[in-house]
Amino acid sequence: MVEEIIKRCLDDGSFSKYNDGVVYNLKDAPNVYCINATVRDPIGIHARAATALVKKAKEWNMDTYIIDLDKKAMSNASGILNVLYMTLETGRHVAIAANHEADEEKIKALYDIITNVYD
């Protein structure tokens, strides 16, 4: 169900209405928290960032999705390879959507992972 809502919101441009770092809920899904981000690491989202993202989502028991707003593609962030397969390069605009145990603090922590520059 959440995947269908995300796809509908991708099609109608709902994600593009929000600035980076602002937590919002999808229409028709008040239990789905979202936040937009821009990938900042010079080599994009790599194994370390993907691992951190997947680990946090699993730790908090959240169904988490990464949405590439530039390519209009989506992937479940349940596994490291799912995230890496998206090839999220520097400057790419993404949204993170999560439900179940998600809240504003947790979605902002995922935002920090996506926007962090790793050494």
PDB file of N, CA and C in Angstrom:
ATOM      1  N   MET A   1       0.815  -1.198   0.000  1.00  0.00           N
ATOM      2  CA  MET A   1       0.000   0.000   0.000  1.00  0.00           C
ATOM      3  C   MET A   1       0.859   1.263   0.000  1.00  0.00           C
ATOM      4  N   VAL A   2       1.885   1.292   0.838  1.00  0.00           N
ATOM      5  CA  VAL A   2       2.744   2.471   0.901  1.00  0.00           C
ATOM      6  C   VAL A   2       3.442   2.694  -0.438  1.00  0.00           C
ATOM      7  N   GLU A   3       3.878   1.611  -1.069  1.00  0.00           N
ATOM      8  CA  GLU A   3       4.546   1.741  -2.370  1.00  0.00           C
ATOM      9  C   GLU A   3       3.618   2.386  -3.400  1.00  0.00           C
ATOM     10  N   GLU A   4       2.349   1.999  -3.389  1.00  0.00           N
ATOM     11  CA  GLU A   4       1.383   2.581  -4.319  1.00  0.00           C
ATOM     12  C   GLU A   4       1.207   4.076  -4.067  1.00  0.00           C
ATOM     13  N   ILE A   5       1.149   4.466  -2.811  1.00  0.00           N
ATOM     14  CA  ILE A   5       1.003   5.885  -2.465  1.00  0.00           C
ATOM     15  C   ILE A   5       2.236   6.664  -2.906  1.00  0.00           C
ATOM     16  N   ILE A   6       3.418   6.094  -2.677  1.00  0.00           N
ATOM     17  CA  ILE A   6       4.657   6.758  -3.090  1.00  0.00           C
ATOM     18  C   ILE A   6       4.678   6.934  -4.609  1.00  0.00           C
ATOM     19  N   LYS A   7       4.316   5.895  -5.342  1.00  0.00           N
ATOM     20  CA  LYS A   7       4.302   5.987  -6.808  1.00  0.00           C
ATOM     21  C   LYS A   7       3.329   7.069  -7.274  1.00  0.00           C
ATOM     22  N   ARG A   8       2.156   7.121  -6.643  1.00  0.00           N
ATOM     23  CA  ARG A   8       1.170   8.152  -7.009  1.00  0.00           C
ATOM     24  C   ARG A   8       1.725   9.550  -6.736  1.00  0.00           C
ATOM     25  N   CYS A   9       2.390   9.707  -5.594  1.00  0.00           N
ATOM     26  CA  CYS A   9       2.952  11.006  -5.239  1.00  0.00           C
ATOM     27  C   CYS A   9       4.115  11.388  -6.161  1.00  0.00           C
ATOM     28  N   LEU A  10       4.869  10.404  -6.626  1.00  0.00           N
ATOM     29  CA  LEU A  10       5.923  10.670  -7.610  1.00  0.00           C
ATOM     30  C   LEU A  10       5.307  11.187  -8.907  1.00  0.00           C
ATOM     31  N   ASP A  11       4.237  10.552  -9.327  1.00  0.00           N
ATOM     32  CA  ASP A  11       3.577  10.937 -10.576  1.00  0.00           C
ATOM     33  C   ASP A  11       2.962  12.330 -10.516  1.00  0.00           C
ATOM     34  N   ASP A  12       2.382  12.685  -9.361  1.00  0.00           N
ATOM     35  CA  ASP A  12       1.705  13.985  -9.292  1.00  0.00           C
ATOM     36  C   ASP A  12       2.595  15.123  -8.781  1.00  0.00           C
ATOM     37  N   GLY A  13       3.877  14.825  -8.494  1.00  0.00           N
ATOM     38  CA  GLY A  13       4.815  15.875  -8.089  1.00  0.00           C
ATOM     39  C   GLY A  13       4.728  16.289  -6.631  1.00  0.00           C
ATOM     40  N   SER A  14       4.076  15.494  -5.795  1.00  0.00           N
ATOM     41  CA  SER A  14       3.907  15.857  -4.382  1.00  0.00           C
ATOM     42  C   SER A  14       5.229  16.061  -3.653  1.00  0.00           C
ATOM     43  N   PHE A  15       6.228  15.262  -3.980  1.00  0.00           N
ATOM     44  CA  PHE A  15       7.513  15.356  -3.271  1.00  0.00           C
ATOM     45  C   PHE A  15       8.223  16.687  -3.540  1.00  0.00           C
ATOM     46  N   SER A  16       8.038  17.237  -4.731  1.00  0.00           N
ATOM     47  CA  SER A  16       8.770  18.451  -5.106  1.00  0.00           C
ATOM     48  C   SER A  16       8.237  19.707  -4.433  1.00  0.00           C
ATOM     49  N   LYS A  17       7.165  19.604  -3.673  1.00  0.00           N
ATOM     50  CA  LYS A  17       6.581  20.764  -2.997  1.00  0.00           C
ATOM     51  C   LYS A  17       7.339  21.155  -1.733  1.00  0.00           C
ATOM     52  N   TYR A  18       8.264  20.320  -1.293  1.00  0.00           N
ATOM     53  CA  TYR A  18       8.919  20.528  -0.004  1.00  0.00           C
ATOM     54  C   TYR A  18      10.413  20.773  -0.156  1.00  0.00           C
ATOM     55  N   ASN A  19      10.962  21.622   0.703  1.00  0.00           N
ATOM     56  CA  ASN A  19      12.393  21.904   0.716  1.00  0.00           C
ATOM     57  C   ASN A  19      13.141  20.803   1.452  1.00  0.00           C
ATOM     58  N   ASP A  20      14.434  20.719   1.200  1.00  0.00           N
ATOM     59  CA  ASP A  20      15.282  19.765   1.910  1.00  0.00           C
ATOM     60  C   ASP A  20      15.194  19.987   3.414  1.00  0.00           C
ATOM     61  N   GLY A  21      15.167  18.891   4.150  1.00  0.00           N
ATOM     62  CA  GLY A  21      15.212  18.958   5.601  1.00  0.00           C
ATOM     63  C   GLY A  21      13.893  19.195   6.295  1.00  0.00           C
ATOM     64  N   VAL A  22      12.804  19.342   5.540  1.00  0.00           N
ATOM     65  CA  VAL A  22      11.480  19.574   6.122  1.00  0.00           C
ATOM     66  C   VAL A  22      10.730  18.246   6.175  1.00  0.00           C
ATOM     67  N   VAL A  23      10.311  17.856   7.370  1.00  0.00           N
ATOM     68  CA  VAL A  23       9.557  16.612   7.541  1.00  0.00           C
ATOM     69  C   VAL A  23       8.095  16.852   7.171  1.00  0.00           C
ATOM     70  N   TYR A  24       7.528  15.940   6.401  1.00  0.00           N
ATOM     71  CA  TYR A  24       6.131  16.057   6.002  1.00  0.00           C
ATOM     72  C   TYR A  24       5.505  14.674   5.880  1.00  0.00           C
ATOM     73  N   ASN A  25       4.184  14.641   5.803  1.00  0.00           N
ATOM     74  CA  ASN A  25       3.443  13.394   5.614  1.00  0.00           C
ATOM     75  C   ASN A  25       2.859  13.377   4.213  1.00  0.00           C
ATOM     76  N   LEU A  26       2.786  12.189   3.632  1.00  0.00           N
ATOM     77  CA  LEU A  26       2.166  12.053   2.325  1.00  0.00           C
ATOM     78  C   LEU A  26       0.655  12.169   2.453  1.00  0.00           C
ATOM     79  N   LYS A  27       0.037  12.762   1.428  1.00  0.00           N
ATOM     80  CA  LYS A  27      -1.422  12.819   1.456  1.00  0.00           C
ATOM     81  C   LYS A  27      -1.959  11.389   1.396  1.00  0.00           C
ATOM     82  N   ASP A  28      -3.050  11.166   2.033  1.00  0.00           N
ATOM     83  CA  ASP A  28      -3.676   9.847   2.136  1.00  0.00           C
ATOM     84  C   ASP A  28      -2.859   8.855   2.962  1.00  0.00           C
ATOM     85  N   ALA A  29      -1.780   9.301   3.587  1.00  0.00           N
ATOM     86  CA  ALA A  29      -0.964   8.393   4.404  1.00  0.00           C
ATOM     87  C   ALA A  29      -0.346   9.157   5.573  1.00  0.00           C
ATOM     88  N   PRO A  30      -1.141   9.532   6.564  1.00  0.00           N
ATOM     89  CA  PRO A  30      -0.615  10.327   7.681  1.00  0.00           C
ATOM     90  C   PRO A  30       0.426   9.601   8.522  1.00  0.00           C
ATOM     91  N   ASN A  31       0.521   8.275   8.375  1.00  0.00           N
ATOM     92  CA  ASN A  31       1.528   7.525   9.133  1.00  0.00           C
ATOM     93  C   ASN A  31       2.839   7.360   8.375  1.00  0.00           C
ATOM     94  N   VAL A  32       2.940   7.957   7.191  1.00  0.00           N
ATOM     95  CA  VAL A  32       4.172   7.904   6.402  1.00  0.00           C
ATOM     96  C   VAL A  32       4.880   9.245   6.521  1.00  0.00           C
ATOM     97  N   TYR A  33       6.055   9.221   7.118  1.00  0.00           N
ATOM     98  CA  TYR A  33       6.863  10.431   7.266  1.00  0.00           C
ATOM     99  C   TYR A  33       7.869  10.498   6.121  1.00  0.00           C
ATOM    100  N   CYS A  34       8.065  11.705   5.594  1.00  0.00           N
ATOM    101  CA  CYS A  34       8.986  11.914   4.476  1.00  0.00           C
ATOM    102  C   CYS A  34       9.888  13.099   4.751  1.00  0.00           C
ATOM    103  N   ILE A  35      11.037  13.081   4.083  1.00  0.00           N
ATOM    104  CA  ILE A  35      11.949  14.223   4.121  1.00  0.00           C
ATOM    105  C   ILE A  35      12.758  14.204   2.830  1.00  0.00           C
ATOM    106  N   ASN A  36      12.948  15.351   2.240  1.00  0.00           N
ATOM    107  CA  ASN A  36      13.759  15.470   1.034  1.00  0.00           C
ATOM    108  C   ASN A  36      15.198  15.794   1.413  1.00  0.00           C
ATOM    109  N   ALA A  37      16.130  15.335   0.579  1.00  0.00           N
ATOM    110  CA  ALA A  37      17.551  15.563   0.846  1.00  0.00           C
ATOM    111  C   ALA A  37      18.300  15.634  -0.473  1.00  0.00           C
ATOM    112  N   THR A  38      19.474  16.235  -0.416  1.00  0.00           N
ATOM    113  CA  THR A  38      20.383  16.255  -1.552  1.00  0.00           C
ATOM    114  C   THR A  38      21.645  15.520  -1.136  1.00  0.00           C
ATOM    115  N   VAL A  39      22.061  14.565  -1.952  1.00  0.00           N
ATOM    116  CA  VAL A  39      23.267  13.790  -1.654  1.00  0.00           C
ATOM    117  C   VAL A  39      24.463  14.728  -1.753  1.00  0.00           C
ATOM    118  N   ARG A  40      25.268  14.777  -0.685  1.00  0.00           N
ATOM    119  CA  ARG A  40      26.388  15.730  -0.627  1.00  0.00           C
ATOM    120  C   ARG A  40      27.771  15.080  -0.713  1.00  0.00           C
ATOM    121  N   ASP A  41      27.861  13.805  -0.372  1.00  0.00           N
ATOM    122  CA  ASP A  41      29.168  13.155  -0.376  1.00  0.00           C
ATOM    123  C   ASP A  41      29.735  13.176  -1.795  1.00  0.00           C
ATOM    124  N   PRO A  42      31.018  13.515  -1.960  1.00  0.00           N
ATOM    125  CA  PRO A  42      31.611  13.606  -3.297  1.00  0.00           C
ATOM    126  C   PRO A  42      31.542  12.320  -4.122  1.00  0.00           C
ATOM    127  N   ILE A  43      31.414  11.177  -3.461  1.00  0.00           N
ATOM    128  CA  ILE A  43      31.295   9.930  -4.229  1.00  0.00           C
ATOM    129  C   ILE A  43      29.871   9.360  -4.170  1.00  0.00           C
ATOM    130  N   GLY A  44      28.945  10.152  -3.700  1.00  0.00           N
ATOM    131  CA  GLY A  44      27.555   9.729  -3.658  1.00  0.00           C
ATOM    132  C   GLY A  44      27.271   8.797  -2.490  1.00  0.00           C
ATOM    133  N   ILE A  45      26.149   8.096  -2.585  1.00  0.00           N
ATOM    134  CA  ILE A  45      25.785   7.134  -1.540  1.00  0.00           C
ATOM    135  C   ILE A  45      26.554   5.853  -1.820  1.00  0.00           C
ATOM    136  N   HIS A  46      27.468   5.539  -0.932  1.00  0.00           N
ATOM    137  CA  HIS A  46      28.341   4.379  -1.085  1.00  0.00           C
ATOM    138  C   HIS A  46      28.018   3.375   0.017  1.00  0.00           C
ATOM    139  N   ALA A  47      28.820   2.347   0.125  1.00  0.00           N
ATOM    140  CA  ALA A  47      28.528   1.237   1.045  1.00  0.00           C
ATOM    141  C   ALA A  47      28.385   1.688   2.500  1.00  0.00           C
ATOM    142  N   ARG A  48      29.221   2.603   2.947  1.00  0.00           N
ATOM    143  CA  ARG A  48      29.152   3.022   4.354  1.00  0.00           C
ATOM    144  C   ARG A  48      27.831   3.735   4.658  1.00  0.00           C
ATOM    145  N   ALA A  49      27.431   4.641   3.788  1.00  0.00           N
ATOM    146  CA  ALA A  49      26.168   5.354   3.990  1.00  0.00           C
ATOM    147  C   ALA A  49      24.975   4.408   3.837  1.00  0.00           C
ATOM    148  N   ALA A  50      25.025   3.533   2.848  1.00  0.00           N
ATOM    149  CA  ALA A  50      23.932   2.577   2.638  1.00  0.00           C
ATOM    150  C   ALA A  50      23.784   1.658   3.845  1.00  0.00           C
ATOM    151  N   THR A  51      24.902   1.210   4.384  1.00  0.00           N
ATOM    152  CA  THR A  51      24.880   0.340   5.561  1.00  0.00           C
ATOM    153  C   THR A  51      24.267   1.060   6.754  1.00  0.00           C
ATOM    154  N   ALA A  52      24.659   2.300   6.980  1.00  0.00           N
ATOM    155  CA  ALA A  52      24.129   3.074   8.103  1.00  0.00           C
ATOM    156  C   ALA A  52      22.622   3.284   7.957  1.00  0.00           C
ATOM    157  N   LEU A  53      22.179   3.584   6.758  1.00  0.00           N
ATOM    158  CA  LEU A  53      20.758   3.824   6.503  1.00  0.00           C
ATOM    159  C   LEU A  53      19.937   2.560   6.761  1.00  0.00           C
ATOM    160  N   VAL A  54      20.358   1.450   6.196  1.00  0.00           N
ATOM    161  CA  VAL A  54      19.640   0.186   6.349  1.00  0.00           C
ATOM    162  C   VAL A  54      19.642  -0.257   7.814  1.00  0.00           C
ATOM    163  N   LYS A  55      20.782  -0.103   8.473  1.00  0.00           N
ATOM    164  CA  LYS A  55      20.893  -0.504   9.888  1.00  0.00           C
ATOM    165  C   LYS A  55      19.905   0.269  10.760  1.00  0.00           C
ATOM    166  N   LYS A  56      19.831   1.589  10.576  1.00  0.00           N
ATOM    167  CA  LYS A  56      18.913   2.411  11.376  1.00  0.00           C
ATOM    168  C   LYS A  56      17.457   2.043  11.085  1.00  0.00           C
ATOM    169  N   ALA A  57      17.118   1.876   9.825  1.00  0.00           N
ATOM    170  CA  ALA A  57      15.737   1.538   9.468  1.00  0.00           C
ATOM    171  C   ALA A  57      15.332   0.205  10.093  1.00  0.00           C
ATOM    172  N   LYS A  58      16.222  -0.765  10.066  1.00  0.00           N
ATOM    173  CA  LYS A  58      15.918  -2.071  10.670  1.00  0.00           C
ATOM    174  C   LYS A  58      15.872  -1.985  12.191  1.00  0.00           C
ATOM    175  N   GLU A  59      16.796  -1.218  12.765  1.00  0.00           N
ATOM    176  CA  GLU A  59      16.839  -1.053  14.220  1.00  0.00           C
ATOM    177  C   GLU A  59      15.526  -0.480  14.735  1.00  0.00           C
ATOM    178  N   TRP A  60      14.943   0.452  13.986  1.00  0.00           N
ATOM    179  CA  TRP A  60      13.713   1.107  14.400  1.00  0.00           C
ATOM    180  C   TRP A  60      12.461   0.424  13.854  1.00  0.00           C
ATOM    181  N   ASN A  61      12.640  -0.712  13.167  1.00  0.00           N
ATOM    182  CA  ASN A  61      11.511  -1.475  12.644  1.00  0.00           C
ATOM    183  C   ASN A  61      10.625  -0.632  11.717  1.00  0.00           C
ATOM    184  N   MET A  62      11.266   0.104  10.801  1.00  0.00           N
ATOM    185  CA  MET A  62      10.529   0.960   9.871  1.00  0.00           C
ATOM    186  C   MET A  62      10.608   0.379   8.463  1.00  0.00           C
ATOM    187  N   ASP A  63       9.513   0.469   7.728  1.00  0.00           N
ATOM    188  CA  ASP A  63       9.548   0.217   6.292  1.00  0.00           C
ATOM    189  C   ASP A  63      10.037   1.513   5.675  1.00  0.00           C
ATOM    190  N   THR A  64      11.225   1.495   5.102  1.00  0.00           N
ATOM    191  CA  THR A  64      11.854   2.712   4.606  1.00  0.00           C
ATOM    192  C   THR A  64      12.079   2.616   3.103  1.00  0.00           C
ATOM    193  N   TYR A  65      11.797   3.706   2.420  1.00  0.00           N
ATOM    194  CA  TYR A  65      11.966   3.773   0.972  1.00  0.00           C
ATOM    195  C   TYR A  65      12.828   4.967   0.622  1.00  0.00           C
ATOM    196  N   ILE A  66      13.678   4.773  -0.378  1.00  0.00           N
ATOM    197  CA  ILE A  66      14.480   5.858  -0.938  1.00  0.00           C
ATOM    198  C   ILE A  66      13.881   6.162  -2.301  1.00  0.00           C
ATOM    199  N   ILE A  67      13.578   7.416  -2.531  1.00  0.00           N
ATOM    200  CA  ILE A  67      12.975   7.838  -3.784  1.00  0.00           C
ATOM    201  C   ILE A  67      13.928   8.791  -4.476  1.00  0.00           C
ATOM    202  N   ASP A  68      14.359   8.430  -5.674  1.00  0.00           N
ATOM    203  CA  ASP A  68      15.213   9.294  -6.485  1.00  0.00           C
ATOM    204  C   ASP A  68      14.291  10.252  -7.223  1.00  0.00           C
ATOM    205  N   LEU A  69      14.255  11.500  -6.786  1.00  0.00           N
ATOM    206  CA  LEU A  69      13.333  12.479  -7.364  1.00  0.00           C
ATOM    207  C   LEU A  69      13.749  12.913  -8.757  1.00  0.00           C
ATOM    208  N   ASP A  70      15.037  12.770  -9.082  1.00  0.00           N
ATOM    209  CA  ASP A  70      15.510  13.143 -10.413  1.00  0.00           C
ATOM    210  C   ASP A  70      15.131  12.087 -11.457  1.00  0.00           C
ATOM    211  N   LYS A  71      15.270  10.816 -11.095  1.00  0.00           N
ATOM    212  CA  LYS A  71      14.958   9.721 -12.021  1.00  0.00           C
ATOM    213  C   LYS A  71      13.536   9.182 -11.850  1.00  0.00           C
ATOM    214  N   LYS A  72      12.846   9.655 -10.809  1.00  0.00           N
ATOM    215  CA  LYS A  72      11.510   9.157 -10.466  1.00  0.00           C
ATOM    216  C   LYS A  72      11.533   7.639 -10.287  1.00  0.00           C
ATOM    217  N   ALA A  73      12.482   7.204  -9.466  1.00  0.00           N
ATOM    218  CA  ALA A  73      12.634   5.779  -9.166  1.00  0.00           C
ATOM    219  C   ALA A  73      12.562   5.594  -7.659  1.00  0.00           C
ATOM    220  N   MET A  74      12.196   4.382  -7.237  1.00  0.00           N
ATOM    221  CA  MET A  74      12.034   4.112  -5.823  1.00  0.00           C
ATOM    222  C   MET A  74      12.615   2.743  -5.506  1.00  0.00           C
ATOM    223  N   SER A  75      13.148   2.621  -4.279  1.00  0.00           N
ATOM    224  CA  SER A  75      13.648   1.332  -3.824  1.00  0.00           C
ATOM    225  C   SER A  75      13.376   1.190  -2.336  1.00  0.00           C
ATOM    226  N   ASN A  76      13.050  -0.018  -1.930  1.00  0.00           N
ATOM    227  CA  ASN A  76      12.902  -0.316  -0.514  1.00  0.00           C
ATOM    228  C   ASN A  76      14.301  -0.360   0.082  1.00  0.00           C
ATOM    229  N   ALA A  77      14.500   0.326   1.180  1.00  0.00           N
ATOM    230  CA  ALA A  77      15.820   0.390   1.811  1.00  0.00           C
ATOM    231  C   ALA A  77      16.005  -0.740   2.818  1.00  0.00           C
ATOM    232  N   SER A  78      15.499  -1.918   2.474  1.00  0.00           N
ATOM    233  CA  SER A  78      15.594  -3.063   3.380  1.00  0.00           C
ATOM    234  C   SER A  78      16.937  -3.767   3.273  1.00  0.00           C
ATOM    235  N   GLY A  79      17.696  -3.457   2.227  1.00  0.00           N
ATOM    236  CA  GLY A  79      18.993  -4.091   2.047  1.00  0.00           C
ATOM    237  C   GLY A  79      20.000  -3.129   1.435  1.00  0.00           C
ATOM    238  N   ILE A  80      21.252  -3.332   1.757  1.00  0.00           N
ATOM    239  CA  ILE A  80      22.323  -2.452   1.279  1.00  0.00           C
ATOM    240  C   ILE A  80      22.368  -2.422  -0.244  1.00  0.00           C
ATOM    241  N   LEU A  81      22.233  -3.578  -0.875  1.00  0.00           N
ATOM    242  CA  LEU A  81      22.302  -3.621  -2.338  1.00  0.00           C
ATOM    243  C   LEU A  81      21.153  -2.857  -2.986  1.00  0.00           C
ATOM    244  N   ASN A  82      19.982  -2.878  -2.363  1.00  0.00           N
ATOM    245  CA  ASN A  82      18.849  -2.089  -2.894  1.00  0.00           C
ATOM    246  C   ASN A  82      19.204  -0.615  -2.961  1.00  0.00           C
ATOM    247  N   VAL A  83      19.857  -0.111  -1.917  1.00  0.00           N
ATOM    248  CA  VAL A  83      20.237   1.308  -1.860  1.00  0.00           C
ATOM    249  C   VAL A  83      21.362   1.589  -2.850  1.00  0.00           C
ATOM    250  N   LEU A  84      22.372   0.735  -2.885  1.00  0.00           N
ATOM    251  CA  LEU A  84      23.500   0.949  -3.792  1.00  0.00           C
ATOM    252  C   LEU A  84      23.078   0.875  -5.255  1.00  0.00           C
ATOM    253  N   TYR A  85      22.143   0.005  -5.554  1.00  0.00           N
ATOM    254  CA  TYR A  85      21.665  -0.164  -6.927  1.00  0.00           C
ATOM    255  C   TYR A  85      21.081   1.129  -7.505  1.00  0.00           C
ATOM    256  N   MET A  86      20.610   2.011  -6.647  1.00  0.00           N
ATOM    257  CA  MET A  86      20.033   3.269  -7.115  1.00  0.00           C
ATOM    258  C   MET A  86      21.085   4.236  -7.646  1.00  0.00           C
ATOM    259  N   THR A  87      22.358   3.964  -7.381  1.00  0.00           N
ATOM    260  CA  THR A  87      23.481   4.815  -7.812  1.00  0.00           C
ATOM    261  C   THR A  87      23.199   6.301  -7.581  1.00  0.00           C
ATOM    262  N   LEU A  88      23.017   6.640  -6.323  1.00  0.00           N
ATOM    263  CA  LEU A  88      22.711   8.020  -5.943  1.00  0.00           C
ATOM    264  C   LEU A  88      24.005   8.827  -5.878  1.00  0.00           C
ATOM    265  N   GLU A  89      24.220   9.619  -6.896  1.00  0.00           N
ATOM    266  CA  GLU A  89      25.446  10.394  -7.035  1.00  0.00           C
ATOM    267  C   GLU A  89      25.329  11.748  -6.337  1.00  0.00           C
ATOM    268  N   THR A  90      26.450  12.418  -6.201  1.00  0.00           N
ATOM    269  CA  THR A  90      26.492  13.753  -5.604  1.00  0.00           C
ATOM    270  C   THR A  90      25.513  14.682  -6.323  1.00  0.00           C
ATOM    271  N   GLY A  91      24.755  15.427  -5.543  1.00  0.00           N
ATOM    272  CA  GLY A  91      23.813  16.382  -6.117  1.00  0.00           C
ATOM    273  C   GLY A  91      22.443  15.810  -6.408  1.00  0.00           C
ATOM    274  N   ARG A  92      22.297  14.497  -6.311  1.00  0.00           N
ATOM    275  CA  ARG A  92      21.006  13.866  -6.608  1.00  0.00           C
ATOM    276  C   ARG A  92      19.993  14.242  -5.534  1.00  0.00           C
ATOM    277  N   HIS A  93      18.782  14.548  -5.955  1.00  0.00           N
ATOM    278  CA  HIS A  93      17.686  14.899  -5.049  1.00  0.00           C
ATOM    279  C   HIS A  93      16.894  13.640  -4.737  1.00  0.00           C
ATOM    280  N   VAL A  94      16.760  13.354  -3.457  1.00  0.00           N
ATOM    281  CA  VAL A  94      16.058  12.153  -3.024  1.00  0.00           C
ATOM    282  C   VAL A  94      15.028  12.511  -1.957  1.00  0.00           C
ATOM    283  N   ALA A  95      14.117  11.598  -1.746  1.00  0.00           N
ATOM    284  CA  ALA A  95      13.201  11.672  -0.613  1.00  0.00           C
ATOM    285  C   ALA A  95      13.331  10.362   0.142  1.00  0.00           C
ATOM    286  N   ILE A  96      13.170  10.440   1.431  1.00  0.00           N
ATOM    287  CA  ILE A  96      13.155   9.260   2.282  1.00  0.00           C
ATOM    288  C   ILE A  96      11.749   9.178   2.849  1.00  0.00           C
ATOM    289  N   ALA A  97      11.118   8.028   2.719  1.00  0.00           N
ATOM    290  CA  ALA A  97       9.775   7.824   3.257  1.00  0.00           C
ATOM    291  C   ALA A  97       9.809   6.606   4.174  1.00  0.00           C
ATOM    292  N   ALA A  98       9.166   6.713   5.329  1.00  0.00           N
ATOM    293  CA  ALA A  98       9.146   5.603   6.274  1.00  0.00           C
ATOM    294  C   ALA A  98       7.815   5.573   7.013  1.00  0.00           C
ATOM    295  N   ASN A  99       7.394   4.361   7.358  1.00  0.00           N
ATOM    296  CA  ASN A  99       6.165   4.230   8.139  1.00  0.00           C
ATOM    297  C   ASN A  99       6.392   3.302   9.321  1.00  0.00           C
ATOM    298  N   HIS A 100       5.339   2.860   9.923  1.00  0.00           N
ATOM    299  CA  HIS A 100       5.325   2.030  11.140  1.00  0.00           C
ATOM    300  C   HIS A 100       5.893   2.805  12.320  1.00  0.00           C
ATOM    301  N   GLU A 101       7.107   2.547  12.705  1.00  0.00           N
ATOM    302  CA  GLU A 101       7.689   3.170  13.893  1.00  0.00           C
ATOM    303  C   GLU A 101       8.310   4.543  13.605  1.00  0.00           C
ATOM    304  N   ALA A 102       8.074   5.084  12.434  1.00  0.00           N
ATOM    305  CA  ALA A 102       8.687   6.358  12.054  1.00  0.00           C
ATOM    306  C   ALA A 102       8.115   7.520  12.854  1.00  0.00           C
ATOM    307  N   ASP A 103       8.961   8.501  13.103  1.00  0.00           N
ATOM    308  CA  ASP A 103       8.532   9.775  13.671  1.00  0.00           C
ATOM    309  C   ASP A 103       9.497  10.838  13.161  1.00  0.00           C
ATOM    310  N   GLU A 104       9.255  12.069  13.529  1.00  0.00           N
ATOM    311  CA  GLU A 104      10.044  13.175  13.002  1.00  0.00           C
ATOM    312  C   GLU A 104      11.531  13.041  13.344  1.00  0.00           C
ATOM    313  N   GLU A 105      11.832  12.642  14.559  1.00  0.00           N
ATOM    314  CA  GLU A 105      13.232  12.504  14.983  1.00  0.00           C
ATOM    315  C   GLU A 105      13.955  11.412  14.194  1.00  0.00           C
ATOM    316  N   LYS A 106      13.296  10.304  13.972  1.00  0.00           N
ATOM    317  CA  LYS A 106      13.918   9.185  13.256  1.00  0.00           C
ATOM    318  C   LYS A 106      14.128   9.515  11.783  1.00  0.00           C
ATOM    319  N   ILE A 107      13.156  10.168  11.164  1.00  0.00           N
ATOM    320  CA  ILE A 107      13.305  10.499   9.751  1.00  0.00           C
ATOM    321  C   ILE A 107      14.409  11.537   9.557  1.00  0.00           C
ATOM    322  N   LYS A 108      14.586  12.428  10.529  1.00  0.00           N
ATOM    323  CA  LYS A 108      15.687  13.395  10.449  1.00  0.00           C
ATOM    324  C   LYS A 108      17.039  12.700  10.613  1.00  0.00           C
ATOM    325  N   ALA A 109      17.088  11.635  11.398  1.00  0.00           N
ATOM    326  CA  ALA A 109      18.338  10.872  11.536  1.00  0.00           C
ATOM    327  C   ALA A 109      18.704  10.210  10.204  1.00  0.00           C
ATOM    328  N   LEU A 110      17.713   9.722   9.467  1.00  0.00           N
ATOM    329  CA  LEU A 110      17.983   9.150   8.143  1.00  0.00           C
ATOM    330  C   LEU A 110      18.433  10.239   7.172  1.00  0.00           C
ATOM    331  N   TYR A 111      17.849  11.412   7.300  1.00  0.00           N
ATOM    332  CA  TYR A 111      18.265  12.566   6.489  1.00  0.00           C
ATOM    333  C   TYR A 111      19.746  12.873   6.735  1.00  0.00           C
ATOM    334  N   ASP A 112      20.159  12.848   7.998  1.00  0.00           N
ATOM    335  CA  ASP A 112      21.559  13.113   8.343  1.00  0.00           C
ATOM    336  C   ASP A 112      22.490  12.095   7.682  1.00  0.00           C
ATOM    337  N   ILE A 113      22.070  10.856   7.605  1.00  0.00           N
ATOM    338  CA  ILE A 113      22.891   9.831   6.960  1.00  0.00           C
ATOM    339  C   ILE A 113      23.053  10.141   5.475  1.00  0.00           C
ATOM    340  N   ILE A 114      21.969  10.491   4.815  1.00  0.00           N
ATOM    341  CA  ILE A 114      21.999  10.780   3.370  1.00  0.00           C
ATOM    342  C   ILE A 114      22.836  12.032   3.064  1.00  0.00           C
ATOM    343  N   THR A 115      22.744  13.031   3.911  1.00  0.00           N
ATOM    344  CA  THR A 115      23.432  14.307   3.628  1.00  0.00           C
ATOM    345  C   THR A 115      24.833  14.387   4.206  1.00  0.00           C
ATOM    346  N   ASN A 116      25.235  13.391   4.978  1.00  0.00           N
ATOM    347  CA  ASN A 116      26.567  13.408   5.600  1.00  0.00           C
ATOM    348  C   ASN A 116      27.660  13.212   4.547  1.00  0.00           C
ATOM    349  N   VAL A 117      28.799  13.843   4.775  1.00  0.00           N
ATOM    350  CA  VAL A 117      29.986  13.604   3.944  1.00  0.00           C
ATOM    351  C   VAL A 117      30.913  12.719   4.768  1.00  0.00           C
ATOM    352  N   TYR A 118      31.164  11.518   4.252  1.00  0.00           N
ATOM    353  CA  TYR A 118      31.983  10.540   4.958  1.00  0.00           C
ATOM    354  C   TYR A 118      33.448  10.719   4.579  1.00  0.00           C
ATOM    355  N   ASP A 119      34.318  10.504   5.568  1.00  0.00           N
ATOM    356  CA  ASP A 119      35.762  10.618   5.308  1.00  0.00           C
ATOM    357  C   ASP A 119      36.304   9.373   4.660  1.00  0.00           C
TER     358      ASP A 119
END
